[in-house]
């Protein structure tokens, strides 16, 4: 089979990549963060019949979202070969379009499946806790590889006809969202005439996941197996259509089986012959277009004035930064709309089981977009050598950082307003509700919610600033784009998540210890306001630390690799120095 050499080549490339191994660790860590709050809330106090199903739903829903995100792994496997010019070399050999797609799908599928296996130990814990049968856990676990296969096929279909990674990823995400959500939504009007889940809704893996529960499977076991089979067939249909799409795109690019007829050689010239002529391309010379041919005009270039800033000019040359920022800003409003959609139309219930893993994944994706936009300038400047060239000019490190931050602020104006809109609306509604009576006297819970919403607006603003500054810092010394994004998201969003988990656990312990949830009002402040205040302090500290380290690294003239131990020790020294200055400070 000709696909086996392609598969071996891709597996060797992935085996040399650190991301292959760190992905498994990240997936297991994400599953632990999803599983831990449910155990903290119900484990020490709830019964085994209530703890087991909650743990299983939380872990399975998080694994389902991770499986859906696997479409990004195959969204660039064909388009990258097309950009590098190696796709033509592959297709001109005995390897066909089907062999290339099967090899790419197999390598990405094995990598994703190994990462998904990291969830297996977490799936066994709900069975040990009780309240969950082995059959239910097996049926829900069987949905995950099918969803993974569907997501990989969607990414493969998008990559077969694309050339740019960003467009291919956008096409893959939209296609997967349509396959997962559209059948479920179209099944709602048909439920008036037929029982739910017996029509087009069977094509959605969400229906498969819901019908895998103990109660649903007992009522209709055929619905589960029919939906599972249809999802599998849909994935193969996408793979088959990707083969035809790749062949058509290759023929449109001039790489078909018929090679162009070469022009006759002049005197003393020899022209080599061979199948590689179908890949050759001679750049057009301006002014030599024939009759009926339209001469390609070069894109307009903006002249650089004498007083212009070269750093701003380089930043404006980076295309796609505004698109990335808007993509990250729109995730917040989409998240609120998706919650309402799940509760209203999809019949989803339970905060920990669905909302918590979904919010965690969407928050990480939103943070990754801002970290990508902030770090890509320094990553590209280091890779091309432009950073060393800029540091030797009279601009200097301070002007380099200030210009980069100024361009980001200008691009972030409208995306920031869109991000602040849901938090500001929530704070306004809370203020109106509290203003109807004695403010805070009758409902201390409402007062805590109002103040928490107001602090949340500040949190959104400082959170984006921390992502931008820390992203620029890691873009300078992380050593790569992926590492810069991962370290930025982990450092900026990790402490607030852990603080929220600990505060929720403290509230649960205090409330259960007093015998009821209507307990002293300051306990609600622990769960609502304390995490928000801790996040504000964390973001402000990260902004100061990242700005100082970024300027120090640029002014020193040498960029070193990031070391977590050195960074933590330096942060501790800065904190001790600040405490000493505050202790010896006297008002003038």
Foldseek 3Di string as FASTA:
>chain_A
DLLVVLLVVLLVVLVPDPCLVVLLVVLLVLLCLLQVLLCLQAVVPHALQVSLVLLLLSNLQLLLVVLLVLLLVLLAQQLVCVVVVNVLVQCLPPDHLLSNLVSSLVNSLVSVVSSSVSSVVSLVVSVVSDSDDPQLSVQSSVLNSLSNLLLNLLSLLLNLQDNDSVSSSVSSSVVSCCQAPVQLVVQQVVCVPPPGLPPSVLSHSVQLNVCSDPVNCVVPVPSNVSSSVNSNVNSVVSSVVSSVSNQVNCVVVQSDPDADDDDDDDPPDDDDDDSCNSSDDDDDDPPPDDPPDDDDDDDDDDDDDPPDDVLLVLLVVDPDLLVLLLVLLVLQVVLVVVVCCCVPRVVDDDCSSHVVSVVVVSLLSSLLSLLLSQLVVQLVCVVVVVLLVVCVDPCHLVNNVVSSVVVVVVSCPVSLVSNLVVLVVQLVVLVVVQVVDPRCPPDVLSNLSNVLSVLVSVLSVLLSLLSNLQSNLCSNAANDSVSSSVVSSCQLVVVLSVQLSVLVSVLSVVQVVVPHNPDPSVSSNSNRVVSSVVSNVSSVLSNVLSVVSSNVCSNVSDHYHDDPVVSVVVSVVVVVVVVVCVVPDDDD
